[in-house]
């Protein structure tokens, strides 16, 4: 029983780290992306519509990476394969 509690505790800790690092990485990515977009728009205002389309495309990709991490974290939280392996060993 103590092994189950230990696996659940470590999984909860790992999920928190995944959520935190995903949010941190996305925030840094959006900050850099927004800053570069403003720089490019200030240098060449006539290219702003094209830059804006590309910015939103890259923003979607940056956000998708965090969503994939959240998907993995939720998988580990609710369908923990480590618990299944523990139960299979007994």
N, C-alpha and C. Protein backbone atom coordinates (compact mmCIF):
# COMPACT_ATOMS: atom_id res chain seq x y z
N UNK A 1 0.82 -1.20 0.00
CA UNK A 1 0.00 0.00 0.00
C UNK A 1 0.86 1.26 0.00
N UNK A 2 2.00 1.18 0.71
CA UNK A 2 2.85 2.37 0.76
C UNK A 2 3.49 2.67 -0.59
N UNK A 3 3.70 1.62 -1.42
CA UNK A 3 4.24 1.85 -2.76
C UNK A 3 3.24 2.62 -3.63
N UNK A 4 1.96 2.31 -3.47
CA UNK A 4 0.92 3.00 -4.23
C UNK A 4 0.90 4.48 -3.86
N UNK A 5 0.96 4.77 -2.56
CA UNK A 5 0.95 6.16 -2.10
C UNK A 5 2.20 6.90 -2.59
N UNK A 6 3.34 6.22 -2.59
CA UNK A 6 4.57 6.85 -3.06
C UNK A 6 4.49 7.16 -4.55
N UNK A 7 3.97 6.22 -5.33
CA UNK A 7 3.82 6.46 -6.77
C UNK A 7 2.85 7.59 -7.03
N UNK A 8 1.74 7.63 -6.30
CA UNK A 8 0.77 8.72 -6.48
C UNK A 8 1.37 10.07 -6.09
N UNK A 9 2.15 10.11 -5.03
CA UNK A 9 2.76 11.36 -4.59
C UNK A 9 3.79 11.85 -5.60
N UNK A 10 4.62 10.94 -6.09
CA UNK A 10 5.63 11.34 -7.08
C UNK A 10 4.97 11.74 -8.41
N UNK A 11 3.87 11.09 -8.76
CA UNK A 11 3.16 11.46 -9.97
C UNK A 11 2.56 12.85 -9.83
N UNK A 12 1.98 13.15 -8.68
CA UNK A 12 1.42 14.49 -8.45
C UNK A 12 2.52 15.54 -8.51
N UNK A 13 3.67 15.25 -7.96
CA UNK A 13 4.79 16.18 -8.03
C UNK A 13 5.26 16.38 -9.48
N UNK A 14 5.36 15.29 -10.22
CA UNK A 14 5.78 15.39 -11.62
C UNK A 14 4.76 16.18 -12.45
N UNK A 15 3.48 15.96 -12.19
CA UNK A 15 2.44 16.69 -12.92
C UNK A 15 2.54 18.19 -12.62
N UNK A 16 2.79 18.55 -11.38
CA UNK A 16 2.98 19.96 -11.03
C UNK A 16 4.17 20.57 -11.74
N UNK A 17 5.25 19.81 -11.83
CA UNK A 17 6.44 20.30 -12.53
C UNK A 17 6.15 20.46 -14.03
N UNK A 18 5.43 19.49 -14.62
CA UNK A 18 5.10 19.58 -16.04
C UNK A 18 4.23 20.81 -16.30
N UNK A 19 3.21 21.03 -15.46
CA UNK A 19 2.35 22.20 -15.63
C UNK A 19 3.17 23.49 -15.49
N UNK A 20 4.01 23.56 -14.47
CA UNK A 20 4.79 24.77 -14.23
C UNK A 20 5.77 25.07 -15.34
N UNK A 21 6.51 24.06 -15.78
CA UNK A 21 7.48 24.29 -16.85
C UNK A 21 6.80 24.57 -18.18
N UNK A 22 5.64 23.94 -18.41
CA UNK A 22 4.88 24.24 -19.63
C UNK A 22 4.42 25.68 -19.64
N UNK A 23 3.92 26.16 -18.51
CA UNK A 23 3.47 27.55 -18.42
C UNK A 23 4.65 28.51 -18.54
N UNK A 24 5.75 28.19 -17.90
CA UNK A 24 6.94 29.04 -17.97
C UNK A 24 7.48 29.13 -19.39
N UNK A 25 7.60 27.98 -20.05
CA UNK A 25 8.10 27.98 -21.42
C UNK A 25 7.19 28.73 -22.37
N UNK A 26 5.89 28.56 -22.20
CA UNK A 26 4.95 29.27 -23.05
C UNK A 26 5.01 30.77 -22.80
N UNK A 27 5.12 31.17 -21.55
CA UNK A 27 5.21 32.59 -21.23
C UNK A 27 6.46 33.22 -21.82
N UNK A 28 7.58 32.54 -21.71
CA UNK A 28 8.82 33.06 -22.29
C UNK A 28 8.71 33.13 -23.81
N UNK A 29 8.15 32.07 -24.41
CA UNK A 29 7.99 32.05 -25.86
C UNK A 29 7.09 33.17 -26.37
N UNK A 30 5.97 33.40 -25.67
CA UNK A 30 5.07 34.48 -26.07
C UNK A 30 5.71 35.85 -25.87
N UNK A 31 6.49 35.99 -24.83
CA UNK A 31 7.18 37.27 -24.59
C UNK A 31 8.17 37.58 -25.70
N UNK A 32 8.97 36.59 -26.07
CA UNK A 32 9.93 36.79 -27.15
C UNK A 32 9.21 37.04 -28.46
N UNK A 33 8.17 36.26 -28.72
CA UNK A 33 7.41 36.40 -29.96
C UNK A 33 6.76 37.77 -30.08
N UNK A 34 6.14 38.25 -29.01
CA UNK A 34 5.50 39.56 -29.03
C UNK A 34 6.51 40.68 -29.21
N UNK A 35 7.63 40.56 -28.52
CA UNK A 35 8.67 41.58 -28.65
C UNK A 35 9.23 41.66 -30.06
N UNK A 36 9.48 40.50 -30.65
CA UNK A 36 10.02 40.49 -32.02
C UNK A 36 8.99 41.00 -33.02
N UNK A 37 7.71 40.70 -32.77
CA UNK A 37 6.66 41.21 -33.65
C UNK A 37 6.60 42.73 -33.60
N UNK A 38 6.68 43.29 -32.41
CA UNK A 38 6.65 44.75 -32.28
C UNK A 38 7.89 45.37 -32.92
N UNK A 39 9.05 44.75 -32.74
CA UNK A 39 10.26 45.25 -33.39
C UNK A 39 10.13 45.25 -34.91
N UNK A 40 9.64 44.12 -35.44
CA UNK A 40 9.49 44.03 -36.89
C UNK A 40 8.45 44.99 -37.43
N UNK A 41 7.38 45.19 -36.68
CA UNK A 41 6.33 46.14 -37.11
C UNK A 41 6.84 47.58 -37.05
N UNK A 42 7.68 47.87 -36.08
CA UNK A 42 8.22 49.23 -35.97
C UNK A 42 9.21 49.51 -37.10
N UNK A 43 9.98 48.50 -37.48
CA UNK A 43 10.97 48.70 -38.54
C UNK A 43 10.32 48.81 -39.91
N UNK A 44 9.31 47.96 -40.17
CA UNK A 44 8.65 47.96 -41.48
C UNK A 44 7.14 47.86 -41.28
N UNK A 45 6.49 48.99 -41.05
CA UNK A 45 5.05 48.96 -40.79
C UNK A 45 4.22 48.39 -41.93
N UNK A 46 4.72 48.47 -43.15
CA UNK A 46 3.95 47.95 -44.29
C UNK A 46 3.85 46.42 -44.27
N UNK A 47 4.73 45.76 -43.54
CA UNK A 47 4.71 44.30 -43.44
C UNK A 47 3.91 43.80 -42.24
N UNK A 48 3.27 44.69 -41.50
CA UNK A 48 2.57 44.30 -40.28
C UNK A 48 1.51 43.21 -40.51
N UNK A 49 0.67 43.27 -41.55
CA UNK A 49 -0.32 42.19 -41.73
C UNK A 49 0.32 40.82 -41.94
N UNK A 50 1.37 40.76 -42.74
CA UNK A 50 2.05 39.48 -42.98
C UNK A 50 2.73 38.99 -41.71
N UNK A 51 3.36 39.91 -40.97
CA UNK A 51 4.01 39.52 -39.72
C UNK A 51 2.99 39.05 -38.69
N UNK A 52 1.82 39.68 -38.69
CA UNK A 52 0.80 39.30 -37.73
C UNK A 52 0.29 37.88 -37.99
N UNK A 53 0.10 37.54 -39.25
CA UNK A 53 -0.33 36.18 -39.59
C UNK A 53 0.71 35.16 -39.13
N UNK A 54 1.97 35.46 -39.40
CA UNK A 54 3.04 34.55 -38.99
C UNK A 54 3.16 34.48 -37.48
N UNK A 55 2.93 35.61 -36.80
CA UNK A 55 3.00 35.63 -35.34
C UNK A 55 1.94 34.71 -34.74
N UNK A 56 0.71 34.79 -35.27
CA UNK A 56 -0.36 33.96 -34.73
C UNK A 56 -0.12 32.48 -35.03
N UNK A 57 0.47 32.17 -36.16
CA UNK A 57 0.80 30.80 -36.49
C UNK A 57 1.83 30.24 -35.50
N UNK A 58 2.87 31.01 -35.25
CA UNK A 58 3.89 30.58 -34.30
C UNK A 58 3.33 30.53 -32.88
N UNK A 59 2.44 31.46 -32.54
CA UNK A 59 1.81 31.44 -31.22
C UNK A 59 1.00 30.16 -31.01
N UNK A 60 0.32 29.72 -32.05
CA UNK A 60 -0.44 28.47 -31.96
C UNK A 60 0.49 27.28 -31.74
N UNK A 61 1.63 27.29 -32.42
CA UNK A 61 2.58 26.19 -32.25
C UNK A 61 3.21 26.20 -30.86
N UNK A 62 3.53 27.39 -30.36
CA UNK A 62 4.10 27.49 -29.01
C UNK A 62 3.09 27.00 -27.98
N UNK A 63 1.84 27.36 -28.16
CA UNK A 63 0.79 26.94 -27.23
C UNK A 63 0.51 25.44 -27.36
N UNK A 64 0.66 24.89 -28.56
CA UNK A 64 0.41 23.47 -28.76
C UNK A 64 1.40 22.62 -27.97
N UNK A 65 2.63 23.06 -27.86
CA UNK A 65 3.63 22.30 -27.11
C UNK A 65 3.22 22.20 -25.64
N UNK A 66 2.73 23.29 -25.08
CA UNK A 66 2.28 23.27 -23.69
C UNK A 66 1.05 22.38 -23.54
N UNK A 67 0.15 22.41 -24.50
CA UNK A 67 -1.06 21.57 -24.42
C UNK A 67 -0.71 20.09 -24.51
N UNK A 68 0.29 19.74 -25.30
CA UNK A 68 0.73 18.34 -25.36
C UNK A 68 1.29 17.92 -24.00
N UNK A 69 2.06 18.79 -23.37
CA UNK A 69 2.58 18.50 -22.03
C UNK A 69 1.46 18.32 -21.02
N UNK A 70 0.45 19.16 -21.10
CA UNK A 70 -0.69 19.03 -20.19
C UNK A 70 -1.43 17.73 -20.45
N UNK A 71 -1.55 17.33 -21.71
CA UNK A 71 -2.18 16.05 -22.02
C UNK A 71 -1.43 14.88 -21.41
N UNK A 72 -0.11 14.89 -21.51
CA UNK A 72 0.68 13.84 -20.88
C UNK A 72 0.53 13.86 -19.36
N UNK A 73 0.54 15.05 -18.79
CA UNK A 73 0.41 15.16 -17.34
C UNK A 73 -0.93 14.61 -16.87
N UNK A 74 -2.00 14.93 -17.57
CA UNK A 74 -3.32 14.41 -17.19
C UNK A 74 -3.39 12.91 -17.38
N UNK A 75 -2.74 12.40 -18.42
CA UNK A 75 -2.68 10.95 -18.61
C UNK A 75 -2.02 10.29 -17.41
N UNK A 76 -0.87 10.82 -16.98
CA UNK A 76 -0.18 10.23 -15.84
C UNK A 76 -0.99 10.37 -14.55
N UNK A 77 -1.77 11.43 -14.43
CA UNK A 77 -2.54 11.64 -13.21
C UNK A 77 -3.73 10.69 -13.12
N UNK A 78 -4.43 10.49 -14.23
CA UNK A 78 -5.68 9.75 -14.16
C UNK A 78 -5.60 8.32 -14.69
N UNK A 79 -4.63 8.00 -15.49
CA UNK A 79 -4.45 6.64 -16.00
C UNK A 79 -2.99 6.26 -15.82
N UNK A 80 -2.55 6.26 -14.59
CA UNK A 80 -1.14 6.12 -14.27
C UNK A 80 -0.60 4.74 -14.68
N UNK A 81 0.28 4.69 -15.67
CA UNK A 81 0.82 3.39 -16.07
C UNK A 81 1.76 2.79 -15.04
N UNK A 82 2.30 3.62 -14.15
CA UNK A 82 3.19 3.10 -13.11
C UNK A 82 2.41 2.29 -12.08
N UNK A 83 1.18 2.72 -11.79
CA UNK A 83 0.34 1.96 -10.87
C UNK A 83 -0.08 0.64 -11.51
N UNK A 84 -0.37 0.67 -12.80
CA UNK A 84 -0.75 -0.55 -13.50
C UNK A 84 0.41 -1.56 -13.47
N UNK A 85 1.62 -1.08 -13.65
CA UNK A 85 2.80 -1.96 -13.61
C UNK A 85 3.00 -2.52 -12.20
N UNK A 86 2.70 -1.72 -11.19
CA UNK A 86 2.84 -2.19 -9.81
C UNK A 86 1.82 -3.28 -9.51
N UNK A 87 0.58 -3.07 -9.97
CA UNK A 87 -0.46 -4.07 -9.74
C UNK A 87 -0.21 -5.34 -10.54
N UNK A 88 0.40 -5.22 -11.71
CA UNK A 88 0.69 -6.39 -12.52
C UNK A 88 1.80 -7.23 -11.89
N UNK A 89 2.70 -6.58 -11.15
CA UNK A 89 3.81 -7.30 -10.52
C UNK A 89 3.34 -8.13 -9.34
N UNK A 90 2.22 -7.75 -8.76
CA UNK A 90 1.73 -8.50 -7.58
C UNK A 90 0.76 -9.54 -7.95
